[in-house]
Amino acid sequence: MIPPNVDVLKAVFRLQSNKDFADFLKWMEESLQRQSIDNAFNTEMVTIYQTQGRCLELIAILEHIRGSHDRLKEIEKVSPGMI
């Protein structure tokens, strides 16, 4: 996954105040939990690798969303006026 650019970070930050987006994030977090549980009880190596990959992508997406405000502040500090 490529890192989000400034426009994506701003869009995600604005979306966080939307109740519908909060519901979406809850669904993403529940999906991550479910994938983790499924992975813990699976014995097929190929399936384990696939679910691990899904978990890592979900974690990355959630971290980009949760960290959007802090990342925007960092960018503004390094490059004033860019945002």
PDB file of N, CA and C in Angstrom:
ATOM      1  N   MET A   1       0.847  -1.171   0.000  1.00  0.00           N
ATOM      2  CA  MET A   1       0.000   0.000   0.000  1.00  0.00           C
ATOM      3  C   MET A   1       0.892   1.232   0.000  1.00  0.00           C
ATOM      4  N   ILE A   2       0.574   2.170  -0.859  1.00  0.00           N
ATOM      5  CA  ILE A   2       1.337   3.407  -0.882  1.00  0.00           C
ATOM      6  C   ILE A   2       0.821   4.341   0.217  1.00  0.00           C
ATOM      7  N   PRO A   3       1.694   5.171   0.785  1.00  0.00           N
ATOM      8  CA  PRO A   3       1.240   6.101   1.815  1.00  0.00           C
ATOM      9  C   PRO A   3       0.260   7.117   1.228  1.00  0.00           C
ATOM     10  N   PRO A   4      -0.709   7.549   2.017  1.00  0.00           N
ATOM     11  CA  PRO A   4      -1.667   8.544   1.521  1.00  0.00           C
ATOM     12  C   PRO A   4      -0.994   9.901   1.334  1.00  0.00           C
ATOM     13  N   ASN A   5      -1.396  10.599   0.277  1.00  0.00           N
ATOM     14  CA  ASN A   5      -0.862  11.941   0.057  1.00  0.00           C
ATOM     15  C   ASN A   5      -1.661  12.944   0.894  1.00  0.00           C
ATOM     16  N   VAL A   6      -1.274  14.205   0.830  1.00  0.00           N
ATOM     17  CA  VAL A   6      -1.905  15.247   1.651  1.00  0.00           C
ATOM     18  C   VAL A   6      -3.407  15.336   1.385  1.00  0.00           C
ATOM     19  N   ASP A   7      -3.812  15.263   0.123  1.00  0.00           N
ATOM     20  CA  ASP A   7      -5.245  15.353  -0.194  1.00  0.00           C
ATOM     21  C   ASP A   7      -6.031  14.206   0.432  1.00  0.00           C
ATOM     22  N   VAL A   8      -5.468  13.023   0.407  1.00  0.00           N
ATOM     23  CA  VAL A   8      -6.135  11.857   1.018  1.00  0.00           C
ATOM     24  C   VAL A   8      -6.197  12.029   2.530  1.00  0.00           C
ATOM     25  N   LEU A   9      -5.101  12.466   3.137  1.00  0.00           N
ATOM     26  CA  LEU A   9      -5.091  12.686   4.586  1.00  0.00           C
ATOM     27  C   LEU A   9      -6.145  13.714   4.998  1.00  0.00           C
ATOM     28  N   LYS A  10      -6.252  14.801   4.231  1.00  0.00           N
ATOM     29  CA  LYS A  10      -7.268  15.826   4.544  1.00  0.00           C
ATOM     30  C   LYS A  10      -8.675  15.261   4.390  1.00  0.00           C
ATOM     31  N   ALA A  11      -8.905  14.483   3.342  1.00  0.00           N
ATOM     32  CA  ALA A  11     -10.226  13.894   3.122  1.00  0.00           C
ATOM     33  C   ALA A  11     -10.587  12.954   4.266  1.00  0.00           C
ATOM     34  N   VAL A  12      -9.635  12.120   4.664  1.00  0.00           N
ATOM     35  CA  VAL A  12      -9.886  11.173   5.766  1.00  0.00           C
ATOM     36  C   VAL A  12     -10.141  11.938   7.059  1.00  0.00           C
ATOM     37  N   PHE A  13      -9.370  12.982   7.309  1.00  0.00           N
ATOM     38  CA  PHE A  13      -9.566  13.777   8.522  1.00  0.00           C
ATOM     39  C   PHE A  13     -10.969  14.386   8.554  1.00  0.00           C
ATOM     40  N   ARG A  14     -11.416  14.932   7.416  1.00  0.00           N
ATOM     41  CA  ARG A  14     -12.763  15.523   7.364  1.00  0.00           C
ATOM     42  C   ARG A  14     -13.841  14.446   7.558  1.00  0.00           C
ATOM     43  N   LEU A  15     -13.622  13.277   7.005  1.00  0.00           N
ATOM     44  CA  LEU A  15     -14.612  12.199   7.109  1.00  0.00           C
ATOM     45  C   LEU A  15     -14.802  11.718   8.546  1.00  0.00           C
ATOM     46  N   GLN A  16     -13.787  11.862   9.376  1.00  0.00           N
ATOM     47  CA  GLN A  16     -13.865  11.339  10.736  1.00  0.00           C
ATOM     48  C   GLN A  16     -14.960  11.984  11.573  1.00  0.00           C
ATOM     49  N   SER A  17     -15.419  13.158  11.198  1.00  0.00           N
ATOM     50  CA  SER A  17     -16.502  13.802  11.947  1.00  0.00           C
ATOM     51  C   SER A  17     -17.881  13.328  11.477  1.00  0.00           C
ATOM     52  N   ASN A  18     -17.918  12.496  10.466  1.00  0.00           N
ATOM     53  CA  ASN A  18     -19.169  11.990   9.916  1.00  0.00           C
ATOM     54  C   ASN A  18     -19.568  10.704  10.640  1.00  0.00           C
ATOM     55  N   LYS A  19     -20.783  10.649  11.171  1.00  0.00           N
ATOM     56  CA  LYS A  19     -21.240   9.480  11.910  1.00  0.00           C
ATOM     57  C   LYS A  19     -21.231   8.228  11.037  1.00  0.00           C
ATOM     58  N   ASP A  20     -21.584   8.388   9.768  1.00  0.00           N
ATOM     59  CA  ASP A  20     -21.560   7.242   8.863  1.00  0.00           C
ATOM     60  C   ASP A  20     -20.148   6.686   8.709  1.00  0.00           C
ATOM     61  N   PHE A  21     -19.163   7.563   8.688  1.00  0.00           N
ATOM     62  CA  PHE A  21     -17.784   7.109   8.585  1.00  0.00           C
ATOM     63  C   PHE A  21     -17.376   6.387   9.860  1.00  0.00           C
ATOM     64  N   ALA A  22     -17.866   6.843  11.005  1.00  0.00           N
ATOM     65  CA  ALA A  22     -17.593   6.152  12.271  1.00  0.00           C
ATOM     66  C   ALA A  22     -18.145   4.730  12.219  1.00  0.00           C
ATOM     67  N   ASP A  23     -19.326   4.563  11.642  1.00  0.00           N
ATOM     68  CA  ASP A  23     -19.894   3.220  11.481  1.00  0.00           C
ATOM     69  C   ASP A  23     -19.024   2.368  10.562  1.00  0.00           C
ATOM     70  N   PHE A  24     -18.507   2.987   9.506  1.00  0.00           N
ATOM     71  CA  PHE A  24     -17.623   2.291   8.584  1.00  0.00           C
ATOM     72  C   PHE A  24     -16.345   1.837   9.304  1.00  0.00           C
ATOM     73  N   LEU A  25     -15.761   2.724  10.120  1.00  0.00           N
ATOM     74  CA  LEU A  25     -14.551   2.373  10.857  1.00  0.00           C
ATOM     75  C   LEU A  25     -14.806   1.235  11.836  1.00  0.00           C
ATOM     76  N   LYS A  26     -15.953   1.277  12.470  1.00  0.00           N
ATOM     77  CA  LYS A  26     -16.312   0.198  13.396  1.00  0.00           C
ATOM     78  C   LYS A  26     -16.367  -1.130  12.646  1.00  0.00           C
ATOM     79  N   TRP A  27     -16.954  -1.118  11.469  1.00  0.00           N
ATOM     80  CA  TRP A  27     -17.030  -2.321  10.643  1.00  0.00           C
ATOM     81  C   TRP A  27     -15.629  -2.808  10.268  1.00  0.00           C
ATOM     82  N   MET A  28     -14.745  -1.881   9.908  1.00  0.00           N
ATOM     83  CA  MET A  28     -13.363  -2.245   9.568  1.00  0.00           C
ATOM     84  C   MET A  28     -12.659  -2.884  10.767  1.00  0.00           C
ATOM     85  N   GLU A  29     -12.846  -2.299  11.943  1.00  0.00           N
ATOM     86  CA  GLU A  29     -12.217  -2.841  13.152  1.00  0.00           C
ATOM     87  C   GLU A  29     -12.777  -4.216  13.489  1.00  0.00           C
ATOM     88  N   GLU A  30     -14.083  -4.390  13.343  1.00  0.00           N
ATOM     89  CA  GLU A  30     -14.691  -5.697  13.579  1.00  0.00           C
ATOM     90  C   GLU A  30     -14.191  -6.727  12.563  1.00  0.00           C
ATOM     91  N   SER A  31     -13.993  -6.292  11.330  1.00  0.00           N
ATOM     92  CA  SER A  31     -13.459  -7.183  10.299  1.00  0.00           C
ATOM     93  C   SER A  31     -12.046  -7.629  10.659  1.00  0.00           C
ATOM     94  N   LEU A  32     -11.247  -6.704  11.156  1.00  0.00           N
ATOM     95  CA  LEU A  32      -9.894  -7.037  11.578  1.00  0.00           C
ATOM     96  C   LEU A  32      -9.919  -8.047  12.724  1.00  0.00           C
ATOM     97  N   GLN A  33     -10.777  -7.819  13.699  1.00  0.00           N
ATOM     98  CA  GLN A  33     -10.891  -8.756  14.817  1.00  0.00           C
ATOM     99  C   GLN A  33     -11.306 -10.140  14.329  1.00  0.00           C
ATOM    100  N   ARG A  34     -12.271 -10.176  13.428  1.00  0.00           N
ATOM    101  CA  ARG A  34     -12.762 -11.446  12.901  1.00  0.00           C
ATOM    102  C   ARG A  34     -11.665 -12.186  12.131  1.00  0.00           C
ATOM    103  N   GLN A  35     -10.910 -11.444  11.310  1.00  0.00           N
ATOM    104  CA  GLN A  35      -9.810 -12.063  10.560  1.00  0.00           C
ATOM    105  C   GLN A  35      -8.767 -12.623  11.519  1.00  0.00           C
ATOM    106  N   SER A  36      -8.481 -11.898  12.589  1.00  0.00           N
ATOM    107  CA  SER A  36      -7.500 -12.361  13.579  1.00  0.00           C
ATOM    108  C   SER A  36      -7.968 -13.631  14.269  1.00  0.00           C
ATOM    109  N   ILE A  37      -9.238 -13.664  14.619  1.00  0.00           N
ATOM    110  CA  ILE A  37      -9.800 -14.863  15.254  1.00  0.00           C
ATOM    111  C   ILE A  37      -9.777 -16.037  14.289  1.00  0.00           C
ATOM    112  N   ASP A  38     -10.217 -15.805  13.060  1.00  0.00           N
ATOM    113  CA  ASP A  38     -10.205 -16.872  12.054  1.00  0.00           C
ATOM    114  C   ASP A  38      -8.791 -17.409  11.857  1.00  0.00           C
ATOM    115  N   ASN A  39      -7.827 -16.525  11.868  1.00  0.00           N
ATOM    116  CA  ASN A  39      -6.444 -16.930  11.653  1.00  0.00           C
ATOM    117  C   ASN A  39      -5.939 -17.795  12.813  1.00  0.00           C
ATOM    118  N   ALA A  40      -6.344 -17.457  14.022  1.00  0.00           N
ATOM    119  CA  ALA A  40      -5.880 -18.188  15.200  1.00  0.00           C
ATOM    120  C   ALA A  40      -6.339 -19.647  15.200  1.00  0.00           C
ATOM    121  N   PHE A  41      -7.474 -19.915  14.583  1.00  0.00           N
ATOM    122  CA  PHE A  41      -8.032 -21.275  14.607  1.00  0.00           C
ATOM    123  C   PHE A  41      -7.812 -22.031  13.297  1.00  0.00           C
ATOM    124  N   ASN A  42      -7.071 -21.469  12.395  1.00  0.00           N
ATOM    125  CA  ASN A  42      -6.860 -22.108  11.102  1.00  0.00           C
ATOM    126  C   ASN A  42      -5.561 -22.901  11.115  1.00  0.00           C
ATOM    127  N   THR A  43      -5.554 -24.022  10.424  1.00  0.00           N
ATOM    128  CA  THR A  43      -4.350 -24.851  10.355  1.00  0.00           C
ATOM    129  C   THR A  43      -3.779 -24.941   8.942  1.00  0.00           C
ATOM    130  N   GLU A  44      -4.493 -24.401   7.963  1.00  0.00           N
ATOM    131  CA  GLU A  44      -4.032 -24.423   6.574  1.00  0.00           C
ATOM    132  C   GLU A  44      -3.079 -23.241   6.356  1.00  0.00           C
ATOM    133  N   MET A  45      -1.832 -23.551   6.014  1.00  0.00           N
ATOM    134  CA  MET A  45      -0.815 -22.505   5.887  1.00  0.00           C
ATOM    135  C   MET A  45      -1.172 -21.447   4.839  1.00  0.00           C
ATOM    136  N   VAL A  46      -1.692 -21.866   3.713  1.00  0.00           N
ATOM    137  CA  VAL A  46      -2.039 -20.894   2.666  1.00  0.00           C
ATOM    138  C   VAL A  46      -3.107 -19.934   3.176  1.00  0.00           C
ATOM    139  N   THR A  47      -4.097 -20.465   3.848  1.00  0.00           N
ATOM    140  CA  THR A  47      -5.170 -19.627   4.395  1.00  0.00           C
ATOM    141  C   THR A  47      -4.632 -18.709   5.490  1.00  0.00           C
ATOM    142  N   ILE A  48      -3.729 -19.220   6.303  1.00  0.00           N
ATOM    143  CA  ILE A  48      -3.127 -18.397   7.355  1.00  0.00           C
ATOM    144  C   ILE A  48      -2.387 -17.211   6.728  1.00  0.00           C
ATOM    145  N   TYR A  49      -1.610 -17.477   5.684  1.00  0.00           N
ATOM    146  CA  TYR A  49      -0.884 -16.390   5.015  1.00  0.00           C
ATOM    147  C   TYR A  49      -1.849 -15.370   4.411  1.00  0.00           C
ATOM    148  N   GLN A  50      -2.938 -15.860   3.846  1.00  0.00           N
ATOM    149  CA  GLN A  50      -3.916 -14.946   3.246  1.00  0.00           C
ATOM    150  C   GLN A  50      -4.577 -14.076   4.303  1.00  0.00           C
ATOM    151  N   THR A  51      -4.986 -14.683   5.412  1.00  0.00           N
ATOM    152  CA  THR A  51      -5.645 -13.893   6.453  1.00  0.00           C
ATOM    153  C   THR A  51      -4.654 -12.943   7.127  1.00  0.00           C
ATOM    154  N   GLN A  52      -3.392 -13.353   7.245  1.00  0.00           N
ATOM    155  CA  GLN A  52      -2.384 -12.441   7.789  1.00  0.00           C
ATOM    156  C   GLN A  52      -2.236 -11.220   6.879  1.00  0.00           C
ATOM    157  N   GLY A  53      -2.230 -11.462   5.574  1.00  0.00           N
ATOM    158  CA  GLY A  53      -2.143 -10.355   4.622  1.00  0.00           C
ATOM    159  C   GLY A  53      -3.331  -9.423   4.733  1.00  0.00           C
ATOM    160  N   ARG A  54      -4.526  -9.997   4.879  1.00  0.00           N
ATOM    161  CA  ARG A  54      -5.724  -9.156   5.056  1.00  0.00           C
ATOM    162  C   ARG A  54      -5.611  -8.321   6.325  1.00  0.00           C
ATOM    163  N   CYS A  55      -5.163  -8.965   7.399  1.00  0.00           N
ATOM    164  CA  CYS A  55      -5.021  -8.251   8.668  1.00  0.00           C
ATOM    165  C   CYS A  55      -4.030  -7.095   8.541  1.00  0.00           C
ATOM    166  N   LEU A  56      -2.904  -7.350   7.902  1.00  0.00           N
ATOM    167  CA  LEU A  56      -1.902  -6.297   7.753  1.00  0.00           C
ATOM    168  C   LEU A  56      -2.431  -5.118   6.944  1.00  0.00           C
ATOM    169  N   GLU A  57      -3.185  -5.386   5.903  1.00  0.00           N
ATOM    170  CA  GLU A  57      -3.760  -4.298   5.102  1.00  0.00           C
ATOM    171  C   GLU A  57      -4.809  -3.530   5.897  1.00  0.00           C
ATOM    172  N   LEU A  58      -5.660  -4.240   6.632  1.00  0.00           N
ATOM    173  CA  LEU A  58      -6.660  -3.560   7.463  1.00  0.00           C
ATOM    174  C   LEU A  58      -5.977  -2.703   8.526  1.00  0.00           C
ATOM    175  N   ILE A  59      -4.927  -3.236   9.142  1.00  0.00           N
ATOM    176  CA  ILE A  59      -4.186  -2.474  10.153  1.00  0.00           C
ATOM    177  C   ILE A  59      -3.601  -1.213   9.526  1.00  0.00           C
ATOM    178  N   ALA A  60      -2.990  -1.342   8.349  1.00  0.00           N
ATOM    179  CA  ALA A  60      -2.387  -0.187   7.685  1.00  0.00           C
ATOM    180  C   ALA A  60      -3.436   0.880   7.374  1.00  0.00           C
ATOM    181  N   ILE A  61      -4.574   0.460   6.860  1.00  0.00           N
ATOM    182  CA  ILE A  61      -5.642   1.415   6.540  1.00  0.00           C
ATOM    183  C   ILE A  61      -6.113   2.123   7.808  1.00  0.00           C
ATOM    184  N   LEU A  62      -6.379   1.355   8.856  1.00  0.00           N
ATOM    185  CA  LEU A  62      -6.853   1.950  10.110  1.00  0.00           C
ATOM    186  C   LEU A  62      -5.801   2.889  10.706  1.00  0.00           C
ATOM    187  N   GLU A  63      -4.526   2.528  10.617  1.00  0.00           N
ATOM    188  CA  GLU A  63      -3.477   3.411  11.141  1.00  0.00           C
ATOM    189  C   GLU A  63      -3.389   4.709  10.343  1.00  0.00           C
ATOM    190  N   HIS A  64      -3.546   4.623   9.023  1.00  0.00           N
ATOM    191  CA  HIS A  64      -3.534   5.842   8.208  1.00  0.00           C
ATOM    192  C   HIS A  64      -4.719   6.735   8.573  1.00  0.00           C
ATOM    193  N   ILE A  65      -5.867   6.132   8.807  1.00  0.00           N
ATOM    194  CA  ILE A  65      -7.054   6.912   9.165  1.00  0.00           C
ATOM    195  C   ILE A  65      -6.869   7.545  10.535  1.00  0.00           C
ATOM    196  N   ARG A  66      -6.481   6.737  11.518  1.00  0.00           N
ATOM    197  CA  ARG A  66      -6.324   7.254  12.882  1.00  0.00           C
ATOM    198  C   ARG A  66      -5.221   8.296  12.994  1.00  0.00           C
ATOM    199  N   GLY A  67      -4.188   8.155  12.194  1.00  0.00           N
ATOM    200  CA  GLY A  67      -3.053   9.067  12.279  1.00  0.00           C
ATOM    201  C   GLY A  67      -3.109  10.238  11.329  1.00  0.00           C
ATOM    202  N   SER A  68      -4.228  10.403  10.622  1.00  0.00           N
ATOM    203  CA  SER A  68      -4.291  11.457   9.597  1.00  0.00           C
ATOM    204  C   SER A  68      -4.080  12.854  10.182  1.00  0.00           C
ATOM    205  N   HIS A  69      -4.684  13.150  11.310  1.00  0.00           N
ATOM    206  CA  HIS A  69      -4.558  14.484  11.895  1.00  0.00           C
ATOM    207  C   HIS A  69      -3.113  14.750  12.312  1.00  0.00           C
ATOM    208  N   ASP A  70      -2.496  13.797  13.002  1.00  0.00           N
ATOM    209  CA  ASP A  70      -1.113  13.969  13.430  1.00  0.00           C
ATOM    210  C   ASP A  70      -0.176  14.098  12.231  1.00  0.00           C
ATOM    211  N   ARG A  71      -0.408  13.313  11.209  1.00  0.00           N
ATOM    212  CA  ARG A  71       0.434  13.373  10.011  1.00  0.00           C
ATOM    213  C   ARG A  71       0.300  14.736   9.322  1.00  0.00           C
ATOM    214  N   LEU A  72      -0.928  15.253   9.270  1.00  0.00           N
ATOM    215  CA  LEU A  72      -1.129  16.583   8.681  1.00  0.00           C
ATOM    216  C   LEU A  72      -0.388  17.654   9.482  1.00  0.00           C
ATOM    217  N   LYS A  73      -0.407  17.539  10.811  1.00  0.00           N
ATOM    218  CA  LYS A  73       0.320  18.496  11.651  1.00  0.00           C
ATOM    219  C   LYS A  73       1.822  18.408  11.399  1.00  0.00           C
ATOM    220  N   GLU A  74       2.334  17.185  11.231  1.00  0.00           N
ATOM    221  CA  GLU A  74       3.759  17.010  10.937  1.00  0.00           C
ATOM    222  C   GLU A  74       4.127  17.655   9.594  1.00  0.00           C
ATOM    223  N   ILE A  75       3.295  17.430   8.594  1.00  0.00           N
ATOM    224  CA  ILE A  75       3.554  18.008   7.271  1.00  0.00           C
ATOM    225  C   ILE A  75       3.549  19.523   7.340  1.00  0.00           C
ATOM    226  N   GLU A  76       2.590  20.081   8.071  1.00  0.00           N
ATOM    227  CA  GLU A  76       2.502  21.550   8.204  1.00  0.00           C
ATOM    228  C   GLU A  76       3.727  22.102   8.922  1.00  0.00           C
ATOM    229  N   LYS A  77       4.229  21.358   9.892  1.00  0.00           N
ATOM    230  CA  LYS A  77       5.411  21.797  10.625  1.00  0.00           C
ATOM    231  C   LYS A  77       6.646  21.814   9.718  1.00  0.00           C
ATOM    232  N   VAL A  78       6.782  20.789   8.892  1.00  0.00           N
ATOM    233  CA  VAL A  78       7.946  20.668   8.010  1.00  0.00           C
ATOM    234  C   VAL A  78       7.810  21.577   6.785  1.00  0.00           C
ATOM    235  N   SER A  79       6.613  21.664   6.253  1.00  0.00           N
ATOM    236  CA  SER A  79       6.366  22.459   5.038  1.00  0.00           C
ATOM    237  C   SER A  79       5.203  23.421   5.269  1.00  0.00           C
ATOM    238  N   PRO A  80       5.445  24.512   5.992  1.00  0.00           N
ATOM    239  CA  PRO A  80       4.344  25.456   6.287  1.00  0.00           C
ATOM    240  C   PRO A  80       3.664  25.934   5.005  1.00  0.00           C
ATOM    241  N   GLY A  81       2.352  26.008   5.063  1.00  0.00           N
ATOM    242  CA  GLY A  81       1.559  26.474   3.935  1.00  0.00           C
ATOM    243  C   GLY A  81       1.217  25.404   2.922  1.00  0.00           C
ATOM    244  N   MET A  82       1.739  24.202   3.111  1.00  0.00           N
ATOM    245  CA  MET A  82       1.457  23.125   2.156  1.00  0.00           C
ATOM    246  C   MET A  82       0.026  22.610   2.302  1.00  0.00           C
ATOM    247  N   ILE A  83      -0.512  22.751   3.488  1.00  0.00           N
ATOM    248  CA  ILE A  83      -1.855  22.211   3.732  1.00  0.00           C
ATOM    249  C   ILE A  83      -2.892  23.292   3.602  1.00  0.00           C
TER     250      ILE A  83
END
